[in-house]
Amino acid sequence: MAEKSLVVTNMNHLVNLFGSYDENLRLIQDELGVTVITRGSDIKITGSQQDVDRAYSCIESLLRIAENGDDITLQQVRYILSMAGEAAGEEIAALSDGGICVTSTGKIIKPKTLGQKHYIDMIDKNTITFGVGPAGTGKTFLAVSMAVKALRAHDITKIILTRPAVEAGEKLGFLPGDLQEKVNPYLRPLYDALHDLLGADRAEKLRERGIIEIAPLAYMRGRTLNRARVIIDESQNASLSTLKMALTRLGEDSRMVLTGDITQIDLPHAQDSGLQKCAEILGSIEGIAVTRLNNRDVVRNKIVKDIV
C-alpha cells in the first residue's frame, strides 16, 4: 500500500477541488481506485503505487487550475484523469491562463483540452488551418472565437462564416421565404456561436453592416477576400474542387479555418468529400496546419464523448 500527502494552504482552493458534495473527489477515487482522506488542509492518498501517483498528479493539476481562479468542473476532472501520466501538470494547468476572448455575458473563453490549445495556437500562427475531429470538440466555436478576437483587435475588417448547404440525412423539402431564409437552417450553428460571443443584437448589427457575413459555401466563387477571417464549417461535406475554389479566395492579410468531421459526411457518396484529401495534399505546405482533435477533446455532455 502506497501513500502520498500534500498540503493545501488556501481553503477556497480546497473547496473548489472537492466540488459540489465532493463529486470531484469521488470521481478521482472511483476512477483510480484510491482512497483520499482530508484533515483540515492536509490531503492523504492511499492505494497502489501507480494509482496513487496518478491521483497525486491529477490533484496537483486541479489545484493549479484553482490557483488561476477557475472553477473546477467534472468535465475538467475527467479530462485530467484521462491525461494522467501523459502530460505534465504545468501544461494542463496552463489551459486556464489568459483566454481567447470575452463573451457578451462576460465569460472568458479558454481552451479546455491540450488538443484545443494546440488548435488555437495553429490558427494564430498559420494562414490556413484544418480542424478535423469529432462532434463536440469545439472546432467551430473556437474558430469563431479567434475570429471575434481578431476583429476586436482591428487585425481584420470582416468575418466570413460559411458551410456547404448539405442536408444531414433528412430532406427538408421546399423551405418558405426568400433565399436567405431558405439557407438559414443550414447556417444556424454559425449564428449560435456568434450570438454566444457577441450577443444577438450586436451580431445582427455587424451582419447588417457587412462586417460579418454568413452564407453558403457556393457563394464564395469569384470573390477575393482581403483582411478577413474565413471559417468554412462542416467542410467534410464539400468536394475537393469546391474546397480548392474556397481556398483560392484568400487575399491580403486574410486567414482561413476549415472545420470538419470525416465520420459525419452527408454527401450522397462519402468518397466525394474533399476534406481529408485536401488536408493530406496541403498539410506539408508552410503556413498551412492540420490539427486533429479526438474524443478526449470532446467538451459537451459526457454522453457525447461516450457516443463518439
C-alpha atoms as a PDB file:
ATOM      1  CA  MET A   1       0.000   0.000   0.000  1.00  0.00           C
ATOM      2  CA  ALA A   2       1.483   3.311  -1.125  1.00  0.00           C
ATOM      3  CA  GLU A   3       0.740   6.699   0.362  1.00  0.00           C
ATOM      4  CA  LYS A   4       1.280  10.332  -0.650  1.00  0.00           C
ATOM      5  CA  SER A   5       0.304  13.593   1.009  1.00  0.00           C
ATOM      6  CA  LEU A   6       0.035  17.231   0.084  1.00  0.00           C
ATOM      7  CA  VAL A   7      -0.969  20.397   1.887  1.00  0.00           C
ATOM      8  CA  VAL A   8      -3.412  22.993   0.531  1.00  0.00           C
ATOM      9  CA  THR A   9      -2.797  26.400   2.065  1.00  0.00           C
ATOM     10  CA  ASN A  10      -5.891  28.106   0.613  1.00  0.00           C
ATOM     11  CA  MET A  11      -9.150  26.599   1.882  1.00  0.00           C
ATOM     12  CA  ASN A  12     -11.104  28.137  -1.005  1.00  0.00           C
ATOM     13  CA  HIS A  13      -8.966  26.091  -3.394  1.00  0.00           C
ATOM     14  CA  LEU A  14      -9.740  23.007  -1.339  1.00  0.00           C
ATOM     15  CA  VAL A  15     -13.493  23.612  -1.626  1.00  0.00           C
ATOM     16  CA  ASN A  16     -13.064  24.165  -5.369  1.00  0.00           C
ATOM     17  CA  LEU A  17     -11.093  20.930  -5.648  1.00  0.00           C
ATOM     18  CA  PHE A  18     -13.735  18.858  -3.872  1.00  0.00           C
ATOM     19  CA  GLY A  19     -16.615  20.139  -5.987  1.00  0.00           C
ATOM     20  CA  SER A  20     -20.295  20.151  -5.106  1.00  0.00           C
ATOM     21  CA  TYR A  21     -20.950  17.439  -2.478  1.00  0.00           C
ATOM     22  CA  ASP A  22     -17.348  16.213  -3.014  1.00  0.00           C
ATOM     23  CA  GLU A  23     -18.259  14.982  -6.518  1.00  0.00           C
ATOM     24  CA  ASN A  24     -14.791  15.728  -7.940  1.00  0.00           C
ATOM     25  CA  LEU A  25     -13.068  13.832  -5.154  1.00  0.00           C
ATOM     26  CA  ARG A  26     -15.431  10.853  -5.514  1.00  0.00           C
ATOM     27  CA  LEU A  27     -14.760  10.699  -9.243  1.00  0.00           C
ATOM     28  CA  ILE A  28     -10.979  10.554  -8.678  1.00  0.00           C
ATOM     29  CA  GLN A  29     -11.417   7.778  -6.082  1.00  0.00           C
ATOM     30  CA  ASP A  30     -13.806   5.764  -8.262  1.00  0.00           C
ATOM     31  CA  GLU A  31     -11.747   6.067 -11.447  1.00  0.00           C
ATOM     32  CA  LEU A  32      -8.355   5.305  -9.887  1.00  0.00           C
ATOM     33  CA  GLY A  33      -9.330   3.002  -7.012  1.00  0.00           C
ATOM     34  CA  VAL A  34      -7.589   5.153  -4.406  1.00  0.00           C
ATOM     35  CA  THR A  35      -8.694   6.492  -1.049  1.00  0.00           C
ATOM     36  CA  VAL A  36      -8.438  10.242  -0.470  1.00  0.00           C
ATOM     37  CA  ILE A  37      -8.662  11.404   3.130  1.00  0.00           C
ATOM     38  CA  THR A  38      -8.670  15.074   4.107  1.00  0.00           C
ATOM     39  CA  ARG A  39      -7.986  16.518   7.525  1.00  0.00           C
ATOM     40  CA  GLY A  40      -8.064  20.292   7.563  1.00  0.00           C
ATOM     41  CA  SER A  41      -5.651  21.420   4.863  1.00  0.00           C
ATOM     42  CA  ASP A  42      -3.930  18.009   4.567  1.00  0.00           C
ATOM     43  CA  ILE A  43      -4.790  15.553   1.787  1.00  0.00           C
ATOM     44  CA  LYS A  44      -3.633  11.930   2.036  1.00  0.00           C
ATOM     45  CA  ILE A  45      -3.896   9.498  -0.884  1.00  0.00           C
ATOM     46  CA  THR A  46      -3.549   5.720  -0.401  1.00  0.00           C
ATOM     47  CA  GLY A  47      -3.678   2.817  -2.832  1.00  0.00           C
ATOM     48  CA  SER A  48      -1.362   1.059  -5.263  1.00  0.00           C
ATOM     49  CA  GLN A  49       1.785   2.998  -6.138  1.00  0.00           C
ATOM     50  CA  GLN A  50       0.756   3.605  -9.750  1.00  0.00           C
ATOM     51  CA  ASP A  51      -2.759   4.749  -8.853  1.00  0.00           C
ATOM     52  CA  VAL A  52      -1.528   6.976  -6.022  1.00  0.00           C
ATOM     53  CA  ASP A  53       0.973   8.640  -8.362  1.00  0.00           C
ATOM     54  CA  ARG A  54      -1.767   9.294 -10.936  1.00  0.00           C
ATOM     55  CA  ALA A  55      -4.163  10.653  -8.310  1.00  0.00           C
ATOM     56  CA  TYR A  56      -1.454  12.896  -6.868  1.00  0.00           C
ATOM     57  CA  SER A  57      -0.676  14.267 -10.351  1.00  0.00           C
ATOM     58  CA  CYS A  58      -4.383  14.884 -11.031  1.00  0.00           C
ATOM     59  CA  ILE A  59      -4.950  16.698  -7.749  1.00  0.00           C
ATOM     60  CA  GLU A  60      -1.849  18.836  -8.296  1.00  0.00           C
ATOM     61  CA  SER A  61      -3.093  19.844 -11.754  1.00  0.00           C
ATOM     62  CA  LEU A  62      -6.557  20.658 -10.417  1.00  0.00           C
ATOM     63  CA  LEU A  63      -5.109  22.793  -7.641  1.00  0.00           C
ATOM     64  CA  ARG A  64      -3.100  24.768 -10.204  1.00  0.00           C
ATOM     65  CA  ILE A  65      -6.347  25.458 -12.047  1.00  0.00           C
ATOM     66  CA  ALA A  66      -7.938  26.614  -8.781  1.00  0.00           C
ATOM     67  CA  GLU A  67      -4.961  28.891  -8.142  1.00  0.00           C
ATOM     68  CA  ASN A  68      -5.622  30.540 -11.511  1.00  0.00           C
ATOM     69  CA  GLY A  69      -9.099  31.448 -10.281  1.00  0.00           C
ATOM     70  CA  ASP A  70     -11.122  29.000 -12.396  1.00  0.00           C
ATOM     71  CA  ASP A  71     -13.925  26.803 -11.093  1.00  0.00           C
ATOM     72  CA  ILE A  72     -13.108  23.095 -11.351  1.00  0.00           C
ATOM     73  CA  THR A  73     -15.761  21.137 -13.243  1.00  0.00           C
ATOM     74  CA  LEU A  74     -16.411  17.418 -13.540  1.00  0.00           C
ATOM     75  CA  GLN A  75     -15.517  17.695 -17.230  1.00  0.00           C
ATOM     76  CA  GLN A  76     -12.070  19.029 -16.294  1.00  0.00           C
ATOM     77  CA  VAL A  77     -11.574  16.264 -13.748  1.00  0.00           C
ATOM     78  CA  ARG A  78     -12.469  13.594 -16.318  1.00  0.00           C
ATOM     79  CA  TYR A  79     -10.096  15.128 -18.851  1.00  0.00           C
ATOM     80  CA  ILE A  80      -7.197  15.370 -16.402  1.00  0.00           C
ATOM     81  CA  LEU A  81      -7.809  11.770 -15.318  1.00  0.00           C
ATOM     82  CA  SER A  82      -7.645  10.661 -18.954  1.00  0.00           C
ATOM     83  CA  MET A  83      -4.355  12.530 -19.425  1.00  0.00           C
ATOM     84  CA  ALA A  84      -2.712  11.426 -16.152  1.00  0.00           C
ATOM     85  CA  GLY A  85       0.855  10.300 -16.829  1.00  0.00           C
ATOM     86  CA  GLU A  86       0.784  11.573 -20.427  1.00  0.00           C
ATOM     87  CA  ALA A  87       1.001  15.346 -19.943  1.00  0.00           C
ATOM     88  CA  ALA A  88       2.796  17.497 -17.396  1.00  0.00           C
ATOM     89  CA  GLY A  89       0.621  19.171 -14.785  1.00  0.00           C
ATOM     90  CA  GLU A  90       2.023  22.538 -15.845  1.00  0.00           C
ATOM     91  CA  GLU A  91       0.731  22.003 -19.398  1.00  0.00           C
ATOM     92  CA  ILE A  92      -2.774  21.169 -18.234  1.00  0.00           C
ATOM     93  CA  ALA A  93      -2.856  23.965 -15.659  1.00  0.00           C
ATOM     94  CA  ALA A  94      -1.736  26.437 -18.345  1.00  0.00           C
ATOM     95  CA  LEU A  95      -5.078  25.884 -20.085  1.00  0.00           C
ATOM     96  CA  SER A  96      -6.647  28.222 -17.533  1.00  0.00           C
ATOM     97  CA  ASP A  97      -4.130  31.003 -18.224  1.00  0.00           C
ATOM     98  CA  GLY A  98      -5.362  34.064 -20.138  1.00  0.00           C
ATOM     99  CA  GLY A  99      -8.155  33.437 -22.612  1.00  0.00           C
ATOM    100  CA  ILE A 100      -9.191  33.930 -26.225  1.00  0.00           C
ATOM    101  CA  CYS A 101     -11.943  36.495 -25.831  1.00  0.00           C
ATOM    102  CA  VAL A 102     -14.845  37.500 -23.609  1.00  0.00           C
ATOM    103  CA  THR A 103     -18.466  36.716 -24.464  1.00  0.00           C
ATOM    104  CA  SER A 104     -21.320  39.206 -24.348  1.00  0.00           C
ATOM    105  CA  THR A 105     -22.147  37.939 -20.838  1.00  0.00           C
ATOM    106  CA  GLY A 106     -18.592  38.398 -19.558  1.00  0.00           C
ATOM    107  CA  LYS A 107     -17.491  34.756 -19.737  1.00  0.00           C
ATOM    108  CA  ILE A 108     -13.843  34.232 -20.696  1.00  0.00           C
ATOM    109  CA  ILE A 109     -13.412  31.704 -23.497  1.00  0.00           C
ATOM    110  CA  LYS A 110     -10.471  29.382 -22.910  1.00  0.00           C
ATOM    111  CA  PRO A 111      -9.341  26.082 -24.428  1.00  0.00           C
ATOM    112  CA  LYS A 112     -10.373  23.179 -22.215  1.00  0.00           C
ATOM    113  CA  THR A 113      -8.014  20.497 -23.530  1.00  0.00           C
ATOM    114  CA  LEU A 114      -4.445  20.349 -24.809  1.00  0.00           C
ATOM    115  CA  GLY A 115      -5.821  19.471 -28.242  1.00  0.00           C
ATOM    116  CA  GLN A 116      -7.913  22.633 -28.249  1.00  0.00           C
ATOM    117  CA  LYS A 117      -4.904  24.670 -27.089  1.00  0.00           C
ATOM    118  CA  HIS A 118      -2.825  23.318 -29.978  1.00  0.00           C
ATOM    119  CA  TYR A 119      -5.718  24.085 -32.365  1.00  0.00           C
ATOM    120  CA  ILE A 120      -5.981  27.776 -31.424  1.00  0.00           C
ATOM    121  CA  ASP A 121      -2.181  28.100 -31.476  1.00  0.00           C
ATOM    122  CA  MET A 122      -2.186  26.807 -35.065  1.00  0.00           C
ATOM    123  CA  ILE A 123      -4.962  29.242 -36.028  1.00  0.00           C
ATOM    124  CA  ASP A 124      -2.881  32.049 -34.526  1.00  0.00           C
ATOM    125  CA  LYS A 125       0.301  31.090 -36.399  1.00  0.00           C
ATOM    126  CA  ASN A 126      -0.892  29.906 -39.816  1.00  0.00           C
ATOM    127  CA  THR A 127      -2.707  31.328 -42.814  1.00  0.00           C
ATOM    128  CA  ILE A 128      -4.831  28.206 -43.290  1.00  0.00           C
ATOM    129  CA  THR A 129      -5.749  25.757 -40.532  1.00  0.00           C
ATOM    130  CA  PHE A 130      -7.656  22.499 -40.845  1.00  0.00           C
ATOM    131  CA  GLY A 131      -9.510  21.487 -37.680  1.00  0.00           C
ATOM    132  CA  VAL A 132     -10.518  17.843 -38.062  1.00  0.00           C
ATOM    133  CA  GLY A 133     -12.253  15.960 -35.273  1.00  0.00           C
ATOM    134  CA  PRO A 134     -15.485  14.545 -33.860  1.00  0.00           C
ATOM    135  CA  ALA A 135     -18.574  16.407 -32.715  1.00  0.00           C
ATOM    136  CA  GLY A 136     -18.292  18.397 -29.506  1.00  0.00           C
ATOM    137  CA  THR A 137     -14.580  19.209 -29.698  1.00  0.00           C
ATOM    138  CA  GLY A 138     -15.174  22.949 -30.116  1.00  0.00           C
ATOM    139  CA  LYS A 139     -13.829  23.187 -33.677  1.00  0.00           C
ATOM    140  CA  THR A 140     -16.332  25.784 -34.862  1.00  0.00           C
ATOM    141  CA  PHE A 141     -16.792  27.724 -31.634  1.00  0.00           C
ATOM    142  CA  LEU A 142     -13.057  28.181 -31.060  1.00  0.00           C
ATOM    143  CA  ALA A 143     -12.504  29.229 -34.665  1.00  0.00           C
ATOM    144  CA  VAL A 144     -15.285  31.827 -34.386  1.00  0.00           C
ATOM    145  CA  SER A 145     -13.834  32.975 -31.040  1.00  0.00           C
ATOM    146  CA  MET A 146     -10.441  33.546 -32.664  1.00  0.00           C
ATOM    147  CA  ALA A 147     -12.145  35.492 -35.460  1.00  0.00           C
ATOM    148  CA  VAL A 148     -14.006  37.698 -32.983  1.00  0.00           C
ATOM    149  CA  LYS A 149     -10.725  38.303 -31.144  1.00  0.00           C
ATOM    150  CA  ALA A 150      -9.048  39.413 -34.410  1.00  0.00           C
ATOM    151  CA  LEU A 151     -11.988  41.684 -35.266  1.00  0.00           C
ATOM    152  CA  ARG A 152     -11.936  43.364 -31.839  1.00  0.00           C
ATOM    153  CA  ALA A 153      -8.174  43.898 -32.194  1.00  0.00           C
ATOM    154  CA  HIS A 154      -8.760  45.532 -35.629  1.00  0.00           C
ATOM    155  CA  ASP A 155      -6.489  42.937 -37.267  1.00  0.00           C
ATOM    156  CA  ILE A 156      -9.249  42.246 -39.785  1.00  0.00           C
ATOM    157  CA  THR A 157     -12.229  44.119 -41.161  1.00  0.00           C
ATOM    158  CA  LYS A 158     -14.553  41.211 -41.876  1.00  0.00           C
ATOM    159  CA  ILE A 159     -15.581  37.774 -40.607  1.00  0.00           C
ATOM    160  CA  ILE A 160     -16.963  35.374 -43.194  1.00  0.00           C
ATOM    161  CA  LEU A 161     -18.695  32.239 -41.931  1.00  0.00           C
ATOM    162  CA  THR A 162     -19.746  29.646 -44.455  1.00  0.00           C
ATOM    163  CA  ARG A 163     -20.652  25.997 -44.806  1.00  0.00           C
ATOM    164  CA  PRO A 164     -21.934  23.705 -47.559  1.00  0.00           C
ATOM    165  CA  ALA A 165     -25.732  23.627 -47.776  1.00  0.00           C
ATOM    166  CA  VAL A 166     -25.969  19.842 -47.470  1.00  0.00           C
ATOM    167  CA  GLU A 167     -28.808  18.120 -45.621  1.00  0.00           C
ATOM    168  CA  ALA A 168     -27.836  15.855 -42.718  1.00  0.00           C
ATOM    169  CA  GLY A 169     -29.701  12.748 -43.794  1.00  0.00           C
ATOM    170  CA  GLU A 170     -33.142  14.392 -43.924  1.00  0.00           C
ATOM    171  CA  LYS A 171     -34.926  16.057 -46.817  1.00  0.00           C
ATOM    172  CA  LEU A 172     -36.057  19.488 -45.771  1.00  0.00           C
ATOM    173  CA  GLY A 173     -38.143  19.993 -48.891  1.00  0.00           C
ATOM    174  CA  PHE A 174     -39.011  23.404 -50.292  1.00  0.00           C
ATOM    175  CA  LEU A 175     -38.474  25.818 -47.448  1.00  0.00           C
ATOM    176  CA  PRO A 176     -40.568  29.024 -47.401  1.00  0.00           C
ATOM    177  CA  GLY A 177     -39.209  32.542 -47.618  1.00  0.00           C
ATOM    178  CA  ASP A 178     -36.543  34.353 -49.607  1.00  0.00           C
ATOM    179  CA  LEU A 179     -33.102  32.958 -50.423  1.00  0.00           C
ATOM    180  CA  GLN A 180     -31.579  33.976 -47.068  1.00  0.00           C
ATOM    181  CA  GLU A 181     -34.455  32.369 -45.168  1.00  0.00           C
ATOM    182  CA  LYS A 182     -34.095  29.165 -47.193  1.00  0.00           C
ATOM    183  CA  VAL A 183     -30.412  28.722 -46.318  1.00  0.00           C
ATOM    184  CA  ASN A 184     -30.621  29.939 -42.702  1.00  0.00           C
ATOM    185  CA  PRO A 185     -31.375  26.445 -41.271  1.00  0.00           C
ATOM    186  CA  TYR A 186     -28.051  25.204 -42.684  1.00  0.00           C
ATOM    187  CA  LEU A 187     -26.202  28.153 -41.122  1.00  0.00           C
ATOM    188  CA  ARG A 188     -27.896  28.097 -37.701  1.00  0.00           C
ATOM    189  CA  PRO A 189     -24.853  26.696 -35.813  1.00  0.00           C
ATOM    190  CA  LEU A 190     -22.774  29.654 -37.013  1.00  0.00           C
ATOM    191  CA  TYR A 191     -25.413  32.123 -35.817  1.00  0.00           C
ATOM    192  CA  ASP A 192     -25.494  30.336 -32.450  1.00  0.00           C
ATOM    193  CA  ALA A 193     -21.727  30.727 -31.990  1.00  0.00           C
ATOM    194  CA  LEU A 194     -21.839  34.427 -32.900  1.00  0.00           C
ATOM    195  CA  HIS A 195     -24.776  35.118 -30.608  1.00  0.00           C
ATOM    196  CA  ASP A 196     -22.966  33.444 -27.707  1.00  0.00           C
ATOM    197  CA  LEU A 197     -19.855  35.541 -28.285  1.00  0.00           C
ATOM    198  CA  LEU A 198     -21.272  38.915 -29.305  1.00  0.00           C
ATOM    199  CA  GLY A 199     -24.888  38.851 -28.225  1.00  0.00           C
ATOM    200  CA  ALA A 200     -27.740  38.569 -30.732  1.00  0.00           C
ATOM    201  CA  ASP A 201     -28.249  42.334 -31.186  1.00  0.00           C
ATOM    202  CA  ARG A 202     -24.562  43.142 -31.702  1.00  0.00           C
ATOM    203  CA  ALA A 203     -24.093  40.209 -34.078  1.00  0.00           C
ATOM    204  CA  GLU A 204     -27.104  41.276 -36.124  1.00  0.00           C
ATOM    205  CA  LYS A 205     -25.874  44.887 -36.384  1.00  0.00           C
ATOM    206  CA  LEU A 206     -22.453  43.714 -37.590  1.00  0.00           C
ATOM    207  CA  ARG A 207     -24.148  41.455 -40.126  1.00  0.00           C
ATOM    208  CA  GLU A 208     -26.321  44.324 -41.406  1.00  0.00           C
ATOM    209  CA  ARG A 209     -23.178  46.448 -41.877  1.00  0.00           C
ATOM    210  CA  GLY A 210     -21.472  43.661 -43.815  1.00  0.00           C
ATOM    211  CA  ILE A 211     -18.723  43.233 -41.222  1.00  0.00           C
ATOM    212  CA  ILE A 212     -19.963  39.701 -40.586  1.00  0.00           C
ATOM    213  CA  GLU A 213     -21.150  37.567 -43.495  1.00  0.00           C
ATOM    214  CA  ILE A 214     -22.873  34.218 -43.146  1.00  0.00           C
ATOM    215  CA  ALA A 215     -23.559  32.436 -46.416  1.00  0.00           C
ATOM    216  CA  PRO A 216     -23.467  29.037 -48.145  1.00  0.00           C
ATOM    217  CA  LEU A 217     -20.062  27.969 -49.450  1.00  0.00           C
ATOM    218  CA  ALA A 218     -21.122  28.191 -53.091  1.00  0.00           C
ATOM    219  CA  TYR A 219     -21.439  31.973 -52.699  1.00  0.00           C
ATOM    220  CA  MET A 220     -17.659  32.303 -52.328  1.00  0.00           C
ATOM    221  CA  ARG A 221     -16.955  31.724 -56.021  1.00  0.00           C
ATOM    222  CA  GLY A 222     -15.352  34.662 -57.848  1.00  0.00           C
ATOM    223  CA  ARG A 223     -14.516  36.667 -54.720  1.00  0.00           C
ATOM    224  CA  THR A 224     -11.204  37.910 -53.318  1.00  0.00           C
ATOM    225  CA  LEU A 225     -11.254  38.200 -49.545  1.00  0.00           C
ATOM    226  CA  ASN A 226      -8.881  40.778 -48.047  1.00  0.00           C
ATOM    227  CA  ARG A 227      -8.294  41.433 -44.318  1.00  0.00           C
ATOM    228  CA  ALA A 228     -10.814  38.758 -43.433  1.00  0.00           C
ATOM    229  CA  ARG A 229     -11.087  35.713 -41.202  1.00  0.00           C
ATOM    230  CA  VAL A 230     -12.886  32.995 -43.157  1.00  0.00           C
ATOM    231  CA  ILE A 231     -14.332  29.925 -41.458  1.00  0.00           C
ATOM    232  CA  ILE A 232     -15.596  27.018 -43.547  1.00  0.00           C
ATOM    233  CA  ASP A 233     -17.662  24.861 -41.229  1.00  0.00           C
ATOM    234  CA  GLU A 234     -18.657  21.233 -41.938  1.00  0.00           C
ATOM    235  CA  SER A 235     -16.107  21.170 -44.751  1.00  0.00           C
ATOM    236  CA  GLN A 236     -16.290  17.370 -44.924  1.00  0.00           C
ATOM    237  CA  ASN A 237     -19.475  17.993 -46.937  1.00  0.00           C
ATOM    238  CA  ALA A 238     -17.622  19.813 -49.731  1.00  0.00           C
ATOM    239  CA  SER A 239     -15.899  18.241 -52.708  1.00  0.00           C
ATOM    240  CA  LEU A 240     -12.195  18.666 -53.395  1.00  0.00           C
ATOM    241  CA  SER A 241     -12.912  21.078 -56.263  1.00  0.00           C
ATOM    242  CA  THR A 242     -15.222  23.175 -54.059  1.00  0.00           C
ATOM    243  CA  LEU A 243     -12.602  23.415 -51.321  1.00  0.00           C
ATOM    244  CA  LYS A 244      -9.979  24.384 -53.903  1.00  0.00           C
ATOM    245  CA  MET A 245     -12.315  27.160 -55.061  1.00  0.00           C
ATOM    246  CA  ALA A 246     -12.766  28.370 -51.471  1.00  0.00           C
ATOM    247  CA  LEU A 247      -9.086  28.196 -50.536  1.00  0.00           C
ATOM    248  CA  THR A 248      -8.097  30.292 -53.542  1.00  0.00           C
ATOM    249  CA  ARG A 249     -10.396  33.146 -52.403  1.00  0.00           C
ATOM    250  CA  LEU A 250      -7.845  34.328 -49.816  1.00  0.00           C
ATOM    251  CA  GLY A 251      -6.467  37.815 -50.394  1.00  0.00           C
ATOM    252  CA  GLU A 252      -4.096  40.049 -48.450  1.00  0.00           C
ATOM    253  CA  ASP A 253      -3.926  39.719 -44.643  1.00  0.00           C
ATOM    254  CA  SER A 254      -6.596  37.018 -44.543  1.00  0.00           C
ATOM    255  CA  ARG A 255      -6.724  33.680 -42.799  1.00  0.00           C
ATOM    256  CA  MET A 256      -8.963  30.663 -43.161  1.00  0.00           C
ATOM    257  CA  VAL A 257     -10.062  27.845 -40.880  1.00  0.00           C
ATOM    258  CA  LEU A 258     -11.705  24.710 -42.266  1.00  0.00           C
ATOM    259  CA  THR A 259     -13.507  22.531 -39.744  1.00  0.00           C
ATOM    260  CA  GLY A 260     -14.977  19.104 -40.261  1.00  0.00           C
ATOM    261  CA  ASP A 261     -15.641  15.587 -39.028  1.00  0.00           C
ATOM    262  CA  ILE A 262     -14.810  12.879 -41.563  1.00  0.00           C
ATOM    263  CA  THR A 263     -17.097  10.438 -39.720  1.00  0.00           C
ATOM    264  CA  GLN A 264     -20.151  12.640 -40.436  1.00  0.00           C
ATOM    265  CA  ILE A 265     -20.185  13.024 -44.211  1.00  0.00           C
ATOM    266  CA  ASP A 266     -23.659  13.850 -45.547  1.00  0.00           C
ATOM    267  CA  LEU A 267     -22.777  13.810 -49.244  1.00  0.00           C
ATOM    268  CA  PRO A 268     -24.523  11.142 -51.381  1.00  0.00           C
ATOM    269  CA  HIS A 269     -21.157   9.423 -51.824  1.00  0.00           C
ATOM    270  CA  ALA A 270     -18.726   9.689 -48.895  1.00  0.00           C
ATOM    271  CA  GLN A 271     -15.732   9.312 -51.206  1.00  0.00           C
ATOM    272  CA  ASP A 272     -16.632  12.685 -52.763  1.00  0.00           C
ATOM    273  CA  SER A 273     -15.638  14.507 -49.547  1.00  0.00           C
ATOM    274  CA  GLY A 274     -12.627  16.715 -50.153  1.00  0.00           C
ATOM    275  CA  LEU A 275     -11.598  17.485 -46.554  1.00  0.00           C
ATOM    276  CA  GLN A 276      -9.327  14.535 -45.889  1.00  0.00           C
ATOM    277  CA  LYS A 277      -7.721  14.702 -49.343  1.00  0.00           C
ATOM    278  CA  CYS A 278      -7.236  18.447 -49.053  1.00  0.00           C
ATOM    279  CA  ALA A 279      -5.581  18.143 -45.641  1.00  0.00           C
ATOM    280  CA  GLU A 280      -3.252  15.394 -46.900  1.00  0.00           C
ATOM    281  CA  ILE A 281      -2.246  17.292 -50.037  1.00  0.00           C
ATOM    282  CA  LEU A 282      -1.684  20.673 -48.388  1.00  0.00           C
ATOM    283  CA  GLY A 283      -0.584  19.722 -44.876  1.00  0.00           C
ATOM    284  CA  SER A 284       3.137  19.941 -45.631  1.00  0.00           C
ATOM    285  CA  ILE A 285       2.986  23.482 -47.053  1.00  0.00           C
ATOM    286  CA  GLU A 286       4.430  26.229 -44.866  1.00  0.00           C
ATOM    287  CA  GLY A 287       1.653  28.388 -43.448  1.00  0.00           C
ATOM    288  CA  ILE A 288      -0.876  25.546 -43.542  1.00  0.00           C
ATOM    289  CA  ALA A 289      -1.547  23.435 -40.432  1.00  0.00           C
ATOM    290  CA  VAL A 290      -3.671  20.349 -39.867  1.00  0.00           C
ATOM    291  CA  THR A 291      -4.945  19.845 -36.313  1.00  0.00           C
ATOM    292  CA  ARG A 292      -6.620  16.545 -35.474  1.00  0.00           C
ATOM    293  CA  LEU A 293      -8.800  16.509 -32.372  1.00  0.00           C
ATOM    294  CA  ASN A 294     -10.113  13.293 -30.819  1.00  0.00           C
ATOM    295  CA  ASN A 295     -12.661  12.035 -28.315  1.00  0.00           C
ATOM    296  CA  ARG A 296     -10.536  13.318 -25.414  1.00  0.00           C
ATOM    297  CA  ASP A 297     -11.206  16.838 -26.700  1.00  0.00           C
ATOM    298  CA  VAL A 298     -15.000  16.459 -26.535  1.00  0.00           C
ATOM    299  CA  VAL A 299     -16.278  19.154 -24.169  1.00  0.00           C
ATOM    300  CA  ARG A 300     -20.027  18.678 -24.457  1.00  0.00           C
ATOM    301  CA  ASN A 301     -22.080  16.443 -22.178  1.00  0.00           C
ATOM    302  CA  LYS A 302     -20.145  13.317 -21.104  1.00  0.00           C
ATOM    303  CA  ILE A 303     -22.599  11.150 -23.054  1.00  0.00           C
ATOM    304  CA  VAL A 304     -21.393  12.800 -26.304  1.00  0.00           C
ATOM    305  CA  LYS A 305     -17.862  11.576 -25.578  1.00  0.00           C
ATOM    306  CA  ASP A 306     -19.225   8.073 -24.942  1.00  0.00           C
ATOM    307  CA  ILE A 307     -21.160   8.177 -28.231  1.00  0.00           C
ATOM    308  CA  VAL A 308     -18.074   9.317 -30.162  1.00  0.00           C
END
